[in-house]
Amino acid sequence: MEIIDHIVIEEDEEVYSPDDDTYLLMRLIQIDKGEDILEIGCGTGIISLHGAYHGANVTAVDTNEKAVELTRKNAKDNNIELKEILWSDMFSNIHGLWDAIIFNPPYLPRIRGGPTDKRWDGGDKGDETIVRFLNRAYSYLRPGGRLYFCCSDLAPLTRIYNTIELGYEIIEQQEKTFDFETIYSFALMADNFSTTPFV
């Protein structure tokens, strides 16, 4: 998805700000005009705004009320209309089927004894949120629907790949390596999901 320079967003210290993983994921996303797109964990709304700018019907959700408010503000400030912006804990407030679902999840392992920050806390090992997403997202995709998400090698990747193999085909995978980690972005297509999710 082409990144548009004149889409300018406001940020908030309580909301995850666009970073390398955001742009790695955005460049992988392919959408067609008129498609119904769901973004889980919209944050500032930058991905959803780009999707709508390129002609998709975008619903943006987040479990952080500040993120929901910020996405509304950024949409208004950029004069970009999203189909809906609402609070949802992943799929808790979601109905219907989608052509594509996008999620830049919290994917870092929790620091034992340290503070918990939902912006990047992916659970004890760092893969729990992603696996939960993959196990549930299939039910919300139209036949041939696509998933886009990213993760880091600071969390174990084995369970993520095993869950993908249950019901998705990897269309494309990209990565970017830093001194301390490698981040990955995935484009998946729904296949025949197993009746026994990998947990």
Protein backbone atom coordinates (compact mmCIF):
# COMPACT_ATOMS: atom_id res chain seq x y z
CA MET A 1 0.00 0.00 0.00
CA GLU A 2 1.46 3.32 -1.03
CA ILE A 3 2.35 5.55 1.90
CA ILE A 4 0.89 9.04 1.43
CA ASP A 5 3.10 11.83 2.76
CA HIS A 6 0.31 14.36 3.20
CA ILE A 7 -1.59 12.11 5.64
CA VAL A 8 -0.42 13.69 8.91
CA ILE A 9 -1.34 12.20 12.27
CA GLU A 10 -1.36 13.46 15.81
CA GLU A 11 0.20 11.16 18.40
CA ASP A 12 -0.41 10.53 22.11
CA GLU A 13 1.93 9.11 24.73
CA GLU A 14 -0.72 6.54 25.74
CA VAL A 15 -1.19 5.29 22.17
CA TYR A 16 1.32 3.27 20.14
CA SER A 17 3.00 5.59 17.64
CA PRO A 18 3.83 4.49 14.09
CA ASP A 19 7.26 2.87 13.96
CA ASP A 20 9.32 0.62 11.69
CA ASP A 21 6.88 -2.26 12.14
CA THR A 22 3.95 -0.05 11.12
CA TYR A 23 5.56 0.96 7.83
CA LEU A 24 6.87 -2.54 7.11
CA LEU A 25 3.30 -3.81 7.47
CA MET A 26 1.77 -0.97 5.44
CA ARG A 27 4.07 -1.62 2.48
CA LEU A 28 2.97 -5.26 2.42
CA ILE A 29 -0.78 -4.56 2.45
CA GLN A 30 -2.63 -4.85 -0.86
CA ILE A 31 -6.24 -3.69 -1.03
CA ASP A 32 -8.72 -3.04 -3.81
CA LYS A 33 -11.17 -0.19 -3.98
CA GLY A 34 -14.48 -1.07 -2.35
CA GLU A 35 -13.14 -3.89 -0.18
CA ASP A 36 -14.34 -4.21 3.42
CA ILE A 37 -11.31 -3.91 5.68
CA LEU A 38 -11.04 -4.34 9.45
CA GLU A 39 -8.10 -3.02 11.41
CA ILE A 40 -7.65 -4.45 14.90
CA GLY A 41 -5.62 -2.22 17.22
CA CYS A 42 -5.81 0.91 15.08
CA GLY A 43 -3.68 3.06 17.42
CA THR A 44 -3.29 6.49 15.81
CA GLY A 45 -5.31 5.28 12.82
CA ILE A 46 -2.52 5.69 10.28
CA ILE A 47 -3.07 2.30 8.59
CA SER A 48 -6.85 2.68 8.52
CA LEU A 49 -6.57 6.19 7.08
CA HIS A 50 -4.33 4.94 4.29
CA GLY A 51 -6.72 2.08 3.55
CA ALA A 52 -9.67 4.47 3.28
CA TYR A 53 -7.63 6.92 1.21
CA HIS A 54 -7.01 4.11 -1.28
CA GLY A 55 -10.73 3.40 -1.53
CA ALA A 56 -11.47 0.65 1.00
CA ASN A 57 -14.41 0.61 3.40
CA VAL A 58 -12.48 0.58 6.68
CA THR A 59 -13.64 -0.23 10.19
CA ALA A 60 -11.02 0.64 12.83
CA VAL A 61 -11.13 -0.73 16.38
CA ASP A 62 -8.94 -0.63 19.45
CA THR A 63 -9.16 -1.72 23.09
CA ASN A 64 -7.66 1.63 24.12
CA GLU A 65 -10.29 4.37 24.30
CA LYS A 66 -7.57 6.98 23.75
CA ALA A 67 -6.67 5.27 20.48
CA VAL A 68 -10.31 5.26 19.36
CA GLU A 69 -10.58 8.99 20.09
CA LEU A 70 -7.25 9.73 18.39
CA THR A 71 -8.21 7.79 15.25
CA ARG A 72 -11.46 9.78 15.05
CA LYS A 73 -9.53 13.03 15.38
CA ASN A 74 -6.90 12.06 12.80
CA ALA A 75 -9.59 10.97 10.34
CA LYS A 76 -11.38 14.30 10.75
CA ASP A 77 -8.18 16.34 10.51
CA ASN A 78 -7.21 14.58 7.27
CA ASN A 79 -10.75 14.73 5.87
CA ILE A 80 -10.77 10.93 5.41
CA GLU A 81 -13.95 9.03 6.13
CA LEU A 82 -13.77 5.66 7.87
CA LYS A 83 -16.83 3.41 7.83
CA GLU A 84 -16.72 2.96 11.60
CA ILE A 85 -14.38 3.64 14.52
CA LEU A 86 -15.19 1.86 17.75
CA TRP A 87 -13.93 0.17 20.89
CA SER A 88 -13.40 -3.58 20.66
CA ASP A 89 -11.18 -6.07 22.49
CA MET A 90 -9.98 -7.79 19.35
CA PHE A 91 -13.21 -9.31 17.91
CA SER A 92 -15.45 -8.77 20.95
CA ASN A 93 -17.50 -6.03 19.26
CA ILE A 94 -17.12 -7.22 15.65
CA HIS A 95 -19.75 -8.80 13.38
CA GLY A 96 -19.83 -9.78 9.73
CA LEU A 97 -17.20 -10.90 7.24
CA TRP A 98 -14.24 -9.03 5.83
CA ASP A 99 -12.09 -9.05 2.72
CA ALA A 100 -9.00 -8.34 4.81
CA ILE A 101 -8.12 -7.96 8.48
CA ILE A 102 -5.04 -6.01 9.60
CA PHE A 103 -3.36 -6.21 13.01
CA ASN A 104 -0.13 -4.66 14.24
CA PRO A 105 -0.26 -6.45 17.58
CA PRO A 106 1.67 -6.06 20.80
CA TYR A 107 4.32 -8.73 20.27
CA LEU A 108 7.05 -8.32 22.88
CA PRO A 109 7.50 -10.72 25.82
CA ARG A 110 6.31 -9.43 29.17
CA ILE A 111 9.10 -8.35 31.49
CA ARG A 112 8.74 -10.40 34.68
CA GLY A 113 8.21 -8.12 37.63
CA GLY A 114 8.25 -5.07 35.40
CA PRO A 115 5.48 -2.68 34.36
CA THR A 116 2.90 -3.89 31.85
CA ASP A 117 2.26 -1.68 28.85
CA LYS A 118 -0.54 -2.83 26.53
CA ARG A 119 1.06 -0.99 23.61
CA TRP A 120 3.67 -3.76 23.23
CA ASP A 121 2.92 -6.44 25.86
CA GLY A 122 2.27 -9.63 23.86
CA GLY A 123 1.96 -11.91 26.89
CA ASP A 124 4.47 -13.95 28.88
CA LYS A 125 6.32 -15.16 25.78
CA GLY A 126 5.21 -12.44 23.39
CA ASP A 127 3.28 -14.68 20.99
CA GLU A 128 0.03 -15.13 22.92
CA THR A 129 -1.86 -12.19 21.42
CA ILE A 130 -0.89 -13.14 17.86
CA VAL A 131 -1.89 -16.79 18.31
CA ARG A 132 -5.24 -15.74 19.79
CA PHE A 133 -5.76 -13.44 16.81
CA LEU A 134 -4.91 -16.13 14.24
CA ASN A 135 -7.20 -18.66 15.91
CA ARG A 136 -10.17 -16.28 15.80
CA ALA A 137 -9.64 -14.22 12.64
CA TYR A 138 -10.51 -17.06 10.26
CA SER A 139 -14.16 -16.92 11.32
CA TYR A 140 -14.38 -13.27 10.26
CA LEU A 141 -12.90 -13.62 6.76
CA ARG A 142 -14.74 -14.06 3.51
CA PRO A 143 -13.59 -17.04 1.40
CA GLY A 144 -10.13 -16.18 0.13
CA GLY A 145 -9.90 -13.33 2.64
CA ARG A 146 -6.52 -12.02 3.74
CA LEU A 147 -4.77 -11.34 7.03
CA TYR A 148 -1.92 -8.91 7.55
CA PHE A 149 0.08 -8.78 10.78
CA CYS A 150 3.61 -8.43 12.12
CA CYS A 151 5.74 -9.95 14.86
CA SER A 152 9.29 -10.02 16.24
CA ASP A 153 11.92 -12.69 16.77
CA LEU A 154 12.16 -11.53 20.39
CA ALA A 155 9.11 -13.77 20.84
CA PRO A 156 9.21 -17.48 19.85
CA LEU A 157 8.02 -17.88 16.26
CA THR A 158 7.31 -21.63 16.32
CA ARG A 159 3.78 -21.42 17.68
CA ILE A 160 2.94 -18.57 15.30
CA TYR A 161 4.04 -20.61 12.27
CA ASN A 162 2.24 -23.70 13.57
CA THR A 163 -0.98 -21.72 13.92
CA ILE A 164 -0.60 -20.28 10.42
CA GLU A 165 -0.27 -23.81 9.04
CA LEU A 166 -3.65 -24.76 10.52
CA GLY A 167 -5.61 -22.70 8.05
CA TYR A 168 -3.66 -20.06 6.16
CA GLU A 169 -1.39 -19.84 3.17
CA ILE A 170 1.52 -17.40 3.39
CA ILE A 171 1.17 -15.08 0.40
CA GLU A 172 4.17 -12.94 1.27
CA GLN A 173 6.54 -12.37 4.15
CA GLN A 174 8.93 -9.47 4.65
CA GLU A 175 11.43 -8.68 7.35
CA LYS A 176 13.67 -5.93 8.66
CA THR A 177 16.65 -6.56 10.92
CA PHE A 178 18.02 -4.25 13.60
CA ASP A 179 20.89 -4.69 16.06
CA PHE A 180 18.60 -6.24 18.66
CA GLU A 181 15.73 -7.87 16.72
CA THR A 182 14.18 -8.80 13.40
CA ILE A 183 10.59 -7.79 12.73
CA TYR A 184 8.42 -9.69 10.25
CA SER A 185 5.29 -8.75 8.35
CA PHE A 186 2.98 -11.42 6.96
CA ALA A 187 0.29 -11.52 4.29
CA LEU A 188 -1.87 -14.64 4.66
CA MET A 189 -4.81 -16.05 2.72
CA ALA A 190 -7.51 -18.07 4.46
CA ASP A 191 -7.48 -21.79 3.66
CA ASN A 192 -9.33 -24.62 5.45
CA PHE A 193 -8.87 -24.02 9.16
CA SER A 194 -8.48 -26.96 11.53
CA THR A 195 -11.28 -27.54 14.04
CA THR A 196 -8.64 -27.85 16.77
CA PRO A 197 -6.78 -24.55 17.18
CA PHE A 198 -3.14 -24.69 18.18
CA VAL A 199 -2.94 -23.25 21.71
